[in-house]
Amino acid sequence: IVDANKAAVMAYGYSYQELLSINISVLRKNWSLTEQQMAQTKESWI
């Protein structure tokens, strides 16, 4: 995570700096599916 808004800080309970120090896999436990979806985003909005 390279940037997050105030709504993210409120929703996740992490400070802004904590959010910037973690990987999205901490928020979403299924990393293999996340990687697949990240690859799909290069083509279009998903």
ModelCIF file with pLDDT and N, C-alpha, C, O atoms, coordinates in Angstrom:
data_MODEL
#
_entry.id   MODEL 
#
_entity.id                         1 
_entity.type                       polymer 
_entity.pdbx_number_of_molecules   1 
#
_entity_poly.entity_id                      1 
_entity_poly.type                           'polypeptide(L)' 
_entity_poly.nstd_linkage                   no 
_entity_poly.nstd_monomer                   no 
_entity_poly.pdbx_seq_one_letter_code       IVDANKAAVMAYGYSYQELLSINISVLRKNWSLTEQQMAQTKESWI 
_entity_poly.pdbx_seq_one_letter_code_can   IVDANKAAVMAYGYSYQELLSINISVLRKNWSLTEQQMAQTKESWI 
_entity_poly.pdbx_strand_id                 A 
#
loop_
_entity_poly_seq.entity_id 
_entity_poly_seq.num 
_entity_poly_seq.mon_id 
_entity_poly_seq.hetero 
1 1  ILE n 
1 2  VAL n 
1 3  ASP n 
1 4  ALA n 
1 5  ASN n 
1 6  LYS n 
1 7  ALA n 
1 8  ALA n 
1 9  VAL n 
1 10 MET n 
1 11 ALA n 
1 12 TYR n 
1 13 GLY n 
1 14 TYR n 
1 15 SER n 
1 16 TYR n 
1 17 GLN n 
1 18 GLU n 
1 19 LEU n 
1 20 LEU n 
1 21 SER n 
1 22 ILE n 
1 23 ASN n 
1 24 ILE n 
1 25 SER n 
1 26 VAL n 
1 27 LEU n 
1 28 ARG n 
1 29 LYS n 
1 30 ASN n 
1 31 TRP n 
1 32 SER n 
1 33 LEU n 
1 34 THR n 
1 35 GLU n 
1 36 GLN n 
1 37 GLN n 
1 38 MET n 
1 39 ALA n 
1 40 GLN n 
1 41 THR n 
1 42 LYS n 
1 43 GLU n 
1 44 SER n 
1 45 TRP n 
1 46 ILE n 
#
_struct_asym.id          A 
_struct_asym.entity_id   1 
#
loop_
_ma_qa_metric.id 
_ma_qa_metric.mode 
_ma_qa_metric.name 
_ma_qa_metric.software_group_id 
_ma_qa_metric.type 
1 global pLDDT . pLDDT 
2 local  pLDDT . pLDDT 
#
_ma_qa_metric_global.metric_id      1 
_ma_qa_metric_global.metric_value   91.13 
_ma_qa_metric_global.model_id       1 
_ma_qa_metric_global.ordinal_id     1 
#
loop_
_ma_qa_metric_local.label_asym_id 
_ma_qa_metric_local.label_comp_id 
_ma_qa_metric_local.label_seq_id 
_ma_qa_metric_local.metric_id 
_ma_qa_metric_local.metric_value 
_ma_qa_metric_local.model_id 
_ma_qa_metric_local.ordinal_id 
A ILE 1  2 96.00 1 1  
A VAL 2  2 94.00 1 2  
A ASP 3  2 93.00 1 3  
A ALA 4  2 94.00 1 4  
A ASN 5  2 95.00 1 5  
A LYS 6  2 94.00 1 6  
A ALA 7  2 96.00 1 7  
A ALA 8  2 97.00 1 8  
A VAL 9  2 96.00 1 9  
A MET 10 2 96.00 1 10 
A ALA 11 2 97.00 1 11 
A TYR 12 2 97.00 1 12 
A GLY 13 2 97.00 1 13 
A TYR 14 2 98.00 1 14 
A SER 15 2 97.00 1 15 
A TYR 16 2 95.00 1 16 
A GLN 17 2 96.00 1 17 
A GLU 18 2 97.00 1 18 
A LEU 19 2 96.00 1 19 
A LEU 20 2 95.00 1 20 
A SER 21 2 96.00 1 21 
A ILE 22 2 95.00 1 22 
A ASN 23 2 95.00 1 23 
A ILE 24 2 94.00 1 24 
A SER 25 2 93.00 1 25 
A VAL 26 2 95.00 1 26 
A LEU 27 2 95.00 1 27 
A ARG 28 2 92.00 1 28 
A LYS 29 2 86.00 1 29 
A ASN 30 2 81.00 1 30 
A TRP 31 2 79.00 1 31 
A SER 32 2 82.00 1 32 
A LEU 33 2 83.00 1 33 
A THR 34 2 84.00 1 34 
A GLU 35 2 82.00 1 35 
A GLN 36 2 85.00 1 36 
A GLN 37 2 87.00 1 37 
A MET 38 2 86.00 1 38 
A ALA 39 2 84.00 1 39 
A GLN 40 2 86.00 1 40 
A THR 41 2 85.00 1 41 
A LYS 42 2 82.00 1 42 
A GLU 43 2 81.00 1 43 
A SER 44 2 86.00 1 44 
A TRP 45 2 89.00 1 45 
A ILE 46 2 93.00 1 46 
#
loop_
_atom_site.group_PDB 
_atom_site.id 
_atom_site.type_symbol 
_atom_site.label_atom_id 
_atom_site.label_alt_id 
_atom_site.label_comp_id 
_atom_site.label_asym_id 
_atom_site.label_entity_id 
_atom_site.label_seq_id 
_atom_site.pdbx_PDB_ins_code 
_atom_site.Cartn_x 
_atom_site.Cartn_y 
_atom_site.Cartn_z 
_atom_site.occupancy 
_atom_site.B_iso_or_equiv 
_atom_site.pdbx_formal_charge 
_atom_site.auth_seq_id 
_atom_site.auth_comp_id 
_atom_site.auth_asym_id 
_atom_site.auth_atom_id 
_atom_site.pdbx_PDB_model_num 
ATOM 1   N N  . ILE A 1 1  ? 0.864   -1.179  0.000   1.00 96.00 ? 1  ILE A N  1 
ATOM 2   C CA . ILE A 1 1  ? 0.000   0.000   0.000   1.00 96.00 ? 1  ILE A CA 1 
ATOM 3   C C  . ILE A 1 1  ? 0.904   1.233   0.000   1.00 96.00 ? 1  ILE A C  1 
ATOM 4   O O  . ILE A 1 1  ? 1.743   1.395   0.886   1.00 96.00 ? 1  ILE A O  1 
ATOM 5   N N  . VAL A 1 2  ? 0.726   2.099   -0.997  1.00 94.00 ? 2  VAL A N  1 
ATOM 6   C CA . VAL A 1 2  ? 1.578   3.287   -1.094  1.00 94.00 ? 2  VAL A CA 1 
ATOM 7   C C  . VAL A 1 2  ? 0.838   4.571   -0.719  1.00 94.00 ? 2  VAL A C  1 
ATOM 8   O O  . VAL A 1 2  ? 1.464   5.606   -0.491  1.00 94.00 ? 2  VAL A O  1 
ATOM 9   N N  . ASP A 1 3  ? -0.489  4.504   -0.656  1.00 93.00 ? 3  ASP A N  1 
ATOM 10  C CA . ASP A 1 3  ? -1.271  5.644   -0.184  1.00 93.00 ? 3  ASP A CA 1 
ATOM 11  C C  . ASP A 1 3  ? -2.647  5.142   0.234   1.00 93.00 ? 3  ASP A C  1 
ATOM 12  O O  . ASP A 1 3  ? -3.145  4.140   -0.279  1.00 93.00 ? 3  ASP A O  1 
ATOM 13  N N  . ALA A 1 4  ? -3.244  5.856   1.169   1.00 94.00 ? 4  ALA A N  1 
ATOM 14  C CA . ALA A 1 4  ? -4.571  5.505   1.682   1.00 94.00 ? 4  ALA A CA 1 
ATOM 15  C C  . ALA A 1 4  ? -5.248  6.780   2.143   1.00 94.00 ? 4  ALA A C  1 
ATOM 16  O O  . ALA A 1 4  ? -4.584  7.730   2.560   1.00 94.00 ? 4  ALA A O  1 
ATOM 17  N N  . ASN A 1 5  ? -6.567  6.799   2.069   1.00 95.00 ? 5  ASN A N  1 
ATOM 18  C CA . ASN A 1 5  ? -7.288  7.988   2.511   1.00 95.00 ? 5  ASN A CA 1 
ATOM 19  C C  . ASN A 1 5  ? -7.767  7.837   3.958   1.00 95.00 ? 5  ASN A C  1 
ATOM 20  O O  . ASN A 1 5  ? -7.559  6.805   4.596   1.00 95.00 ? 5  ASN A O  1 
ATOM 21  N N  . LYS A 1 6  ? -8.415  8.896   4.457   1.00 94.00 ? 6  LYS A N  1 
ATOM 22  C CA . LYS A 1 6  ? -8.911  8.889   5.841   1.00 94.00 ? 6  LYS A CA 1 
ATOM 23  C C  . LYS A 1 6  ? -9.934  7.786   6.071   1.00 94.00 ? 6  LYS A C  1 
ATOM 24  O O  . LYS A 1 6  ? -9.969  7.186   7.146   1.00 94.00 ? 6  LYS A O  1 
ATOM 25  N N  . ALA A 1 7  ? -10.763 7.515   5.078   1.00 96.00 ? 7  ALA A N  1 
ATOM 26  C CA . ALA A 1 7  ? -11.767 6.458   5.208   1.00 96.00 ? 7  ALA A CA 1 
ATOM 27  C C  . ALA A 1 7  ? -11.098 5.102   5.438   1.00 96.00 ? 7  ALA A C  1 
ATOM 28  O O  . ALA A 1 7  ? -11.635 4.268   6.167   1.00 96.00 ? 7  ALA A O  1 
ATOM 29  N N  . ALA A 1 8  ? -9.941  4.873   4.828   1.00 97.00 ? 8  ALA A N  1 
ATOM 30  C CA . ALA A 1 8  ? -9.202  3.623   5.026   1.00 97.00 ? 8  ALA A CA 1 
ATOM 31  C C  . ALA A 1 8  ? -8.696  3.522   6.466   1.00 97.00 ? 8  ALA A C  1 
ATOM 32  O O  . ALA A 1 8  ? -8.796  2.471   7.099   1.00 97.00 ? 8  ALA A O  1 
ATOM 33  N N  . VAL A 1 9  ? -8.162  4.611   6.962   1.00 96.00 ? 9  VAL A N  1 
ATOM 34  C CA . VAL A 1 9  ? -7.665  4.643   8.345   1.00 96.00 ? 9  VAL A CA 1 
ATOM 35  C C  . VAL A 1 9  ? -8.807  4.322   9.303   1.00 96.00 ? 9  VAL A C  1 
ATOM 36  O O  . VAL A 1 9  ? -8.644  3.526   10.227  1.00 96.00 ? 9  VAL A O  1 
ATOM 37  N N  . MET A 1 10 ? -9.962  4.943   9.079   1.00 96.00 ? 10 MET A N  1 
ATOM 38  C CA . MET A 1 10 ? -11.125 4.708   9.948   1.00 96.00 ? 10 MET A CA 1 
ATOM 39  C C  . MET A 1 10 ? -11.630 3.262   9.838   1.00 96.00 ? 10 MET A C  1 
ATOM 40  O O  . MET A 1 10 ? -11.952 2.642   10.852  1.00 96.00 ? 10 MET A O  1 
ATOM 41  N N  . ALA A 1 11 ? -11.700 2.736   8.642   1.00 97.00 ? 11 ALA A N  1 
ATOM 42  C CA . ALA A 1 11 ? -12.288 1.413   8.430   1.00 97.00 ? 11 ALA A CA 1 
ATOM 43  C C  . ALA A 1 11 ? -11.409 0.281   8.953   1.00 97.00 ? 11 ALA A C  1 
ATOM 44  O O  . ALA A 1 11 ? -11.909 -0.683  9.533   1.00 97.00 ? 11 ALA A O  1 
ATOM 45  N N  . TYR A 1 12 ? -10.107 0.400   8.748   1.00 97.00 ? 12 TYR A N  1 
ATOM 46  C CA . TYR A 1 12 ? -9.217  -0.710  9.084   1.00 97.00 ? 12 TYR A CA 1 
ATOM 47  C C  . TYR A 1 12 ? -8.653  -0.631  10.504  1.00 97.00 ? 12 TYR A C  1 
ATOM 48  O O  . TYR A 1 12 ? -8.208  -1.641  11.049  1.00 97.00 ? 12 TYR A O  1 
ATOM 49  N N  . GLY A 1 13 ? -8.667  0.550   11.099  1.00 97.00 ? 13 GLY A N  1 
ATOM 50  C CA . GLY A 1 13 ? -8.135  0.679   12.452  1.00 97.00 ? 13 GLY A CA 1 
ATOM 51  C C  . GLY A 1 13 ? -6.627  0.802   12.520  1.00 97.00 ? 13 GLY A C  1 
ATOM 52  O O  . GLY A 1 13 ? -6.060  0.802   13.613  1.00 97.00 ? 13 GLY A O  1 
ATOM 53  N N  . TYR A 1 14 ? -5.972  0.906   11.392  1.00 98.00 ? 14 TYR A N  1 
ATOM 54  C CA . TYR A 1 14 ? -4.528  1.147   11.336  1.00 98.00 ? 14 TYR A CA 1 
ATOM 55  C C  . TYR A 1 14 ? -4.298  2.642   11.214  1.00 98.00 ? 14 TYR A C  1 
ATOM 56  O O  . TYR A 1 14 ? -5.140  3.357   10.670  1.00 98.00 ? 14 TYR A O  1 
ATOM 57  N N  . SER A 1 15 ? -3.170  3.120   11.712  1.00 97.00 ? 15 SER A N  1 
ATOM 58  C CA . SER A 1 15 ? -2.809  4.509   11.448  1.00 97.00 ? 15 SER A CA 1 
ATOM 59  C C  . SER A 1 15 ? -2.403  4.613   9.978   1.00 97.00 ? 15 SER A C  1 
ATOM 60  O O  . SER A 1 15 ? -2.174  3.600   9.318   1.00 97.00 ? 15 SER A O  1 
ATOM 61  N N  . TYR A 1 16 ? -2.318  5.827   9.477   1.00 95.00 ? 16 TYR A N  1 
ATOM 62  C CA . TYR A 1 16 ? -1.898  6.052   8.096   1.00 95.00 ? 16 TYR A CA 1 
ATOM 63  C C  . TYR A 1 16 ? -0.518  5.432   7.860   1.00 95.00 ? 16 TYR A C  1 
ATOM 64  O O  . TYR A 1 16 ? -0.309  4.740   6.863   1.00 95.00 ? 16 TYR A O  1 
ATOM 65  N N  . GLN A 1 17 ? 0.415   5.678   8.771   1.00 96.00 ? 17 GLN A N  1 
ATOM 66  C CA . GLN A 1 17 ? 1.774   5.135   8.625   1.00 96.00 ? 17 GLN A CA 1 
ATOM 67  C C  . GLN A 1 17 ? 1.780   3.608   8.666   1.00 96.00 ? 17 GLN A C  1 
ATOM 68  O O  . GLN A 1 17 ? 2.544   2.970   7.942   1.00 96.00 ? 17 GLN A O  1 
ATOM 69  N N  . GLU A 1 18 ? 0.934   3.024   9.508   1.00 97.00 ? 18 GLU A N  1 
ATOM 70  C CA . GLU A 1 18 ? 0.846   1.557   9.553   1.00 97.00 ? 18 GLU A CA 1 
ATOM 71  C C  . GLU A 1 18 ? 0.336   1.007   8.233   1.00 97.00 ? 18 GLU A C  1 
ATOM 72  O O  . GLU A 1 18 ? 0.859   0.010   7.735   1.00 97.00 ? 18 GLU A O  1 
ATOM 73  N N  . LEU A 1 19 ? -0.685  1.648   7.655   1.00 96.00 ? 19 LEU A N  1 
ATOM 74  C CA . LEU A 1 19 ? -1.199  1.189   6.364   1.00 96.00 ? 19 LEU A CA 1 
ATOM 75  C C  . LEU A 1 19 ? -0.109  1.219   5.292   1.00 96.00 ? 19 LEU A C  1 
ATOM 76  O O  . LEU A 1 19 ? -0.030  0.323   4.452   1.00 96.00 ? 19 LEU A O  1 
ATOM 77  N N  . LEU A 1 20 ? 0.720   2.247   5.331   1.00 95.00 ? 20 LEU A N  1 
ATOM 78  C CA . LEU A 1 20 ? 1.780   2.365   4.315   1.00 95.00 ? 20 LEU A CA 1 
ATOM 79  C C  . LEU A 1 20 ? 2.914   1.368   4.535   1.00 95.00 ? 20 LEU A C  1 
ATOM 80  O O  . LEU A 1 20 ? 3.794   1.240   3.684   1.00 95.00 ? 20 LEU A O  1 
ATOM 81  N N  . SER A 1 21 ? 2.904   0.671   5.650   1.00 96.00 ? 21 SER A N  1 
ATOM 82  C CA . SER A 1 21 ? 3.965   -0.301  5.919   1.00 96.00 ? 21 SER A CA 1 
ATOM 83  C C  . SER A 1 21 ? 3.502   -1.741  5.702   1.00 96.00 ? 21 SER A C  1 
ATOM 84  O O  . SER A 1 21 ? 4.259   -2.677  5.959   1.00 96.00 ? 21 SER A O  1 
ATOM 85  N N  . ILE A 1 22 ? 2.265   -1.926  5.232   1.00 95.00 ? 22 ILE A N  1 
ATOM 86  C CA . ILE A 1 22 ? 1.778   -3.297  5.068   1.00 95.00 ? 22 ILE A CA 1 
ATOM 87  C C  . ILE A 1 22 ? 1.436   -3.602  3.614   1.00 95.00 ? 22 ILE A C  1 
ATOM 88  O O  . ILE A 1 22 ? 1.319   -2.714  2.770   1.00 95.00 ? 22 ILE A O  1 
ATOM 89  N N  . ASN A 1 23 ? 1.282   -4.885  3.365   1.00 95.00 ? 23 ASN A N  1 
ATOM 90  C CA . ASN A 1 23 ? 0.880   -5.399  2.069   1.00 95.00 ? 23 ASN A CA 1 
ATOM 91  C C  . ASN A 1 23 ? -0.630  -5.602  2.075   1.00 95.00 ? 23 ASN A C  1 
ATOM 92  O O  . ASN A 1 23 ? -1.216  -5.858  3.127   1.00 95.00 ? 23 ASN A O  1 
ATOM 93  N N  . ILE A 1 24 ? -1.253  -5.494  0.936   1.00 94.00 ? 24 ILE A N  1 
ATOM 94  C CA . ILE A 1 24 ? -2.701  -5.675  0.828   1.00 94.00 ? 24 ILE A CA 1 
ATOM 95  C C  . ILE A 1 24 ? -3.118  -7.061  1.332   1.00 94.00 ? 24 ILE A C  1 
ATOM 96  O O  . ILE A 1 24 ? -4.267  -7.254  1.730   1.00 94.00 ? 24 ILE A O  1 
ATOM 97  N N  . SER A 1 25 ? -2.197  -8.017  1.317   1.00 93.00 ? 25 SER A N  1 
ATOM 98  C CA . SER A 1 25 ? -2.513  -9.374  1.798   1.00 93.00 ? 25 SER A CA 1 
ATOM 99  C C  . SER A 1 25 ? -2.822  -9.399  3.290   1.00 93.00 ? 25 SER A C  1 
ATOM 100 O O  . SER A 1 25 ? -3.418  -10.362 3.772   1.00 93.00 ? 25 SER A O  1 
ATOM 101 N N  . VAL A 1 26 ? -2.432  -8.366  4.032   1.00 95.00 ? 26 VAL A N  1 
ATOM 102 C CA . VAL A 1 26 ? -2.781  -8.277  5.453   1.00 95.00 ? 26 VAL A CA 1 
ATOM 103 C C  . VAL A 1 26 ? -4.271  -7.958  5.590   1.00 95.00 ? 26 VAL A C  1 
ATOM 104 O O  . VAL A 1 26 ? -4.932  -8.437  6.511   1.00 95.00 ? 26 VAL A O  1 
ATOM 105 N N  . LEU A 1 27 ? -4.787  -7.155  4.678   1.00 95.00 ? 27 LEU A N  1 
ATOM 106 C CA . LEU A 1 27 ? -6.203  -6.783  4.706   1.00 95.00 ? 27 LEU A CA 1 
ATOM 107 C C  . LEU A 1 27 ? -7.074  -7.837  4.044   1.00 95.00 ? 27 LEU A C  1 
ATOM 108 O O  . LEU A 1 27 ? -8.251  -7.985  4.372   1.00 95.00 ? 27 LEU A O  1 
ATOM 109 N N  . ARG A 1 28 ? -6.492  -8.551  3.127   1.00 92.00 ? 28 ARG A N  1 
ATOM 110 C CA . ARG A 1 28 ? -7.236  -9.555  2.347   1.00 92.00 ? 28 ARG A CA 1 
ATOM 111 C C  . ARG A 1 28 ? -6.384  -10.808 2.280   1.00 92.00 ? 28 ARG A C  1 
ATOM 112 O O  . ARG A 1 28 ? -5.360  -10.825 1.597   1.00 92.00 ? 28 ARG A O  1 
ATOM 113 N N  . LYS A 1 29 ? -6.784  -11.831 2.962   1.00 86.00 ? 29 LYS A N  1 
ATOM 114 C CA . LYS A 1 29 ? -5.932  -13.000 3.211   1.00 86.00 ? 29 LYS A CA 1 
ATOM 115 C C  . LYS A 1 29 ? -5.632  -13.868 1.988   1.00 86.00 ? 29 LYS A C  1 
ATOM 116 O O  . LYS A 1 29 ? -4.685  -14.653 2.040   1.00 86.00 ? 29 LYS A O  1 
ATOM 117 N N  . ASN A 1 30 ? -6.374  -13.770 0.909   1.00 81.00 ? 30 ASN A N  1 
ATOM 118 C CA . ASN A 1 30 ? -6.210  -14.649 -0.245  1.00 81.00 ? 30 ASN A CA 1 
ATOM 119 C C  . ASN A 1 30 ? -5.247  -14.022 -1.263  1.00 81.00 ? 30 ASN A C  1 
ATOM 120 O O  . ASN A 1 30 ? -5.686  -13.363 -2.206  1.00 81.00 ? 30 ASN A O  1 
ATOM 121 N N  . TRP A 1 31 ? -3.948  -14.223 -1.075  1.00 79.00 ? 31 TRP A N  1 
ATOM 122 C CA . TRP A 1 31 ? -2.940  -13.556 -1.906  1.00 79.00 ? 31 TRP A CA 1 
ATOM 123 C C  . TRP A 1 31 ? -2.951  -14.067 -3.348  1.00 79.00 ? 31 TRP A C  1 
ATOM 124 O O  . TRP A 1 31 ? -2.780  -13.266 -4.266  1.00 79.00 ? 31 TRP A O  1 
ATOM 125 N N  . SER A 1 32 ? -3.145  -15.358 -3.581  1.00 82.00 ? 32 SER A N  1 
ATOM 126 C CA . SER A 1 32 ? -3.104  -15.863 -4.961  1.00 82.00 ? 32 SER A CA 1 
ATOM 127 C C  . SER A 1 32 ? -4.233  -15.268 -5.796  1.00 82.00 ? 32 SER A C  1 
ATOM 128 O O  . SER A 1 32 ? -4.021  -14.904 -6.953  1.00 82.00 ? 32 SER A O  1 
ATOM 129 N N  . LEU A 1 33 ? -5.429  -15.166 -5.223  1.00 83.00 ? 33 LEU A N  1 
ATOM 130 C CA . LEU A 1 33 ? -6.541  -14.536 -5.946  1.00 83.00 ? 33 LEU A CA 1 
ATOM 131 C C  . LEU A 1 33 ? -6.267  -13.049 -6.146  1.00 83.00 ? 33 LEU A C  1 
ATOM 132 O O  . LEU A 1 33 ? -6.577  -12.495 -7.201  1.00 83.00 ? 33 LEU A O  1 
ATOM 133 N N  . THR A 1 34 ? -5.692  -12.408 -5.147  1.00 84.00 ? 34 THR A N  1 
ATOM 134 C CA . THR A 1 34 ? -5.357  -10.982 -5.251  1.00 84.00 ? 34 THR A CA 1 
ATOM 135 C C  . THR A 1 34 ? -4.382  -10.753 -6.403  1.00 84.00 ? 34 THR A C  1 
ATOM 136 O O  . THR A 1 34 ? -4.550  -9.811  -7.176  1.00 84.00 ? 34 THR A O  1 
ATOM 137 N N  . GLU A 1 35 ? -3.366  -11.603 -6.523  1.00 82.00 ? 35 GLU A N  1 
ATOM 138 C CA . GLU A 1 35 ? -2.397  -11.476 -7.621  1.00 82.00 ? 35 GLU A CA 1 
ATOM 139 C C  . GLU A 1 35 ? -3.075  -11.619 -8.984  1.00 82.00 ? 35 GLU A C  1 
ATOM 140 O O  . GLU A 1 35 ? -2.778  -10.866 -9.911  1.00 82.00 ? 35 GLU A O  1 
ATOM 141 N N  . GLN A 1 36 ? -3.982  -12.582 -9.099  1.00 85.00 ? 36 GLN A N  1 
ATOM 142 C CA . GLN A 1 36 ? -4.704  -12.775 -10.366 1.00 85.00 ? 36 GLN A CA 1 
ATOM 143 C C  . GLN A 1 36 ? -5.512  -11.528 -10.722 1.00 85.00 ? 36 GLN A C  1 
ATOM 144 O O  . GLN A 1 36 ? -5.505  -11.078 -11.867 1.00 85.00 ? 36 GLN A O  1 
ATOM 145 N N  . GLN A 1 37 ? -6.207  -10.979 -9.731  1.00 87.00 ? 37 GLN A N  1 
ATOM 146 C CA . GLN A 1 37 ? -7.027  -9.798  -9.981  1.00 87.00 ? 37 GLN A CA 1 
ATOM 147 C C  . GLN A 1 37 ? -6.158  -8.589  -10.309 1.00 87.00 ? 37 GLN A C  1 
ATOM 148 O O  . GLN A 1 37 ? -6.535  -7.759  -11.137 1.00 87.00 ? 37 GLN A O  1 
ATOM 149 N N  . MET A 1 38 ? -4.996  -8.486  -9.664  1.00 86.00 ? 38 MET A N  1 
ATOM 150 C CA . MET A 1 38 ? -4.089  -7.380  -9.969  1.00 86.00 ? 38 MET A CA 1 
ATOM 151 C C  . MET A 1 38 ? -3.640  -7.460  -11.426 1.00 86.00 ? 38 MET A C  1 
ATOM 152 O O  . MET A 1 38 ? -3.548  -6.433  -12.099 1.00 86.00 ? 38 MET A O  1 
ATOM 153 N N  . ALA A 1 39 ? -3.367  -8.633  -11.908 1.00 84.00 ? 39 ALA A N  1 
ATOM 154 C CA . ALA A 1 39 ? -2.958  -8.807  -13.304 1.00 84.00 ? 39 ALA A CA 1 
ATOM 155 C C  . ALA A 1 39 ? -4.081  -8.397  -14.254 1.00 84.00 ? 39 ALA A C  1 
ATOM 156 O O  . ALA A 1 39 ? -3.820  -7.805  -15.301 1.00 84.00 ? 39 ALA A O  1 
ATOM 157 N N  . GLN A 1 40 ? -5.325  -8.707  -13.899 1.00 86.00 ? 40 GLN A N  1 
ATOM 158 C CA . GLN A 1 40 ? -6.470  -8.354  -14.751 1.00 86.00 ? 40 GLN A CA 1 
ATOM 159 C C  . GLN A 1 40 ? -6.653  -6.844  -14.864 1.00 86.00 ? 40 GLN A C  1 
ATOM 160 O O  . GLN A 1 40 ? -7.182  -6.365  -15.867 1.00 86.00 ? 40 GLN A O  1 
ATOM 161 N N  . THR A 1 41 ? -6.230  -6.092  -13.865 1.00 85.00 ? 41 THR A N  1 
ATOM 162 C CA . THR A 1 41 ? -6.448  -4.644  -13.876 1.00 85.00 ? 41 THR A CA 1 
ATOM 163 C C  . THR A 1 41 ? -5.641  -3.941  -14.958 1.00 85.00 ? 41 THR A C  1 
ATOM 164 O O  . THR A 1 41 ? -5.943  -2.801  -15.309 1.00 85.00 ? 41 THR A O  1 
ATOM 165 N N  . LYS A 1 42 ? -4.632  -4.596  -15.485 1.00 82.00 ? 42 LYS A N  1 
ATOM 166 C CA . LYS A 1 42 ? -3.829  -3.974  -16.541 1.00 82.00 ? 42 LYS A CA 1 
ATOM 167 C C  . LYS A 1 42 ? -4.629  -3.833  -17.827 1.00 82.00 ? 42 LYS A C  1 
ATOM 168 O O  . LYS A 1 42 ? -4.302  -3.011  -18.683 1.00 82.00 ? 42 LYS A O  1 
ATOM 169 N N  . GLU A 1 43 ? -5.682  -4.641  -17.962 1.00 81.00 ? 43 GLU A N  1 
ATOM 170 C CA . GLU A 1 43 ? -6.524  -4.623  -19.155 1.00 81.00 ? 43 GLU A CA 1 
ATOM 171 C C  . GLU A 1 43 ? -7.685  -3.639  -19.031 1.00 81.00 ? 43 GLU A C  1 
ATOM 172 O O  . GLU A 1 43 ? -7.998  -2.917  -19.977 1.00 81.00 ? 43 GLU A O  1 
ATOM 173 N N  . SER A 1 44 ? -8.315  -3.614  -17.870 1.00 86.00 ? 44 SER A N  1 
ATOM 174 C CA . SER A 1 44 ? -9.483  -2.754  -17.694 1.00 86.00 ? 44 SER A CA 1 
ATOM 175 C C  . SER A 1 44 ? -9.833  -2.672  -16.210 1.00 86.00 ? 44 SER A C  1 
ATOM 176 O O  . SER A 1 44 ? -9.225  -3.338  -15.372 1.00 86.00 ? 44 SER A O  1 
ATOM 177 N N  . TRP A 1 45 ? -10.824 -1.844  -15.909 1.00 89.00 ? 45 TRP A N  1 
ATOM 178 C CA . TRP A 1 45 ? -11.360 -1.788  -14.556 1.00 89.00 ? 45 TRP A CA 1 
ATOM 179 C C  . TRP A 1 45 ? -11.931 -3.154  -14.234 1.00 89.00 ? 45 TRP A C  1 
ATOM 180 O O  . TRP A 1 45 ? -12.540 -3.795  -15.091 1.00 89.00 ? 45 TRP A O  1 
ATOM 181 N N  . ILE A 1 46 ? -11.740 -3.601  -13.008 1.00 93.00 ? 46 ILE A N  1 
ATOM 182 C CA . ILE A 1 46 ? -12.415 -4.821  -12.582 1.00 93.00 ? 46 ILE A CA 1 
ATOM 183 C C  . ILE A 1 46 ? -13.204 -4.521  -11.308 1.00 93.00 ? 46 ILE A C  1 
ATOM 184 O O  . ILE A 1 46 ? -13.858 -5.411  -10.764 1.00 93.00 ? 46 ILE A O  1 
#
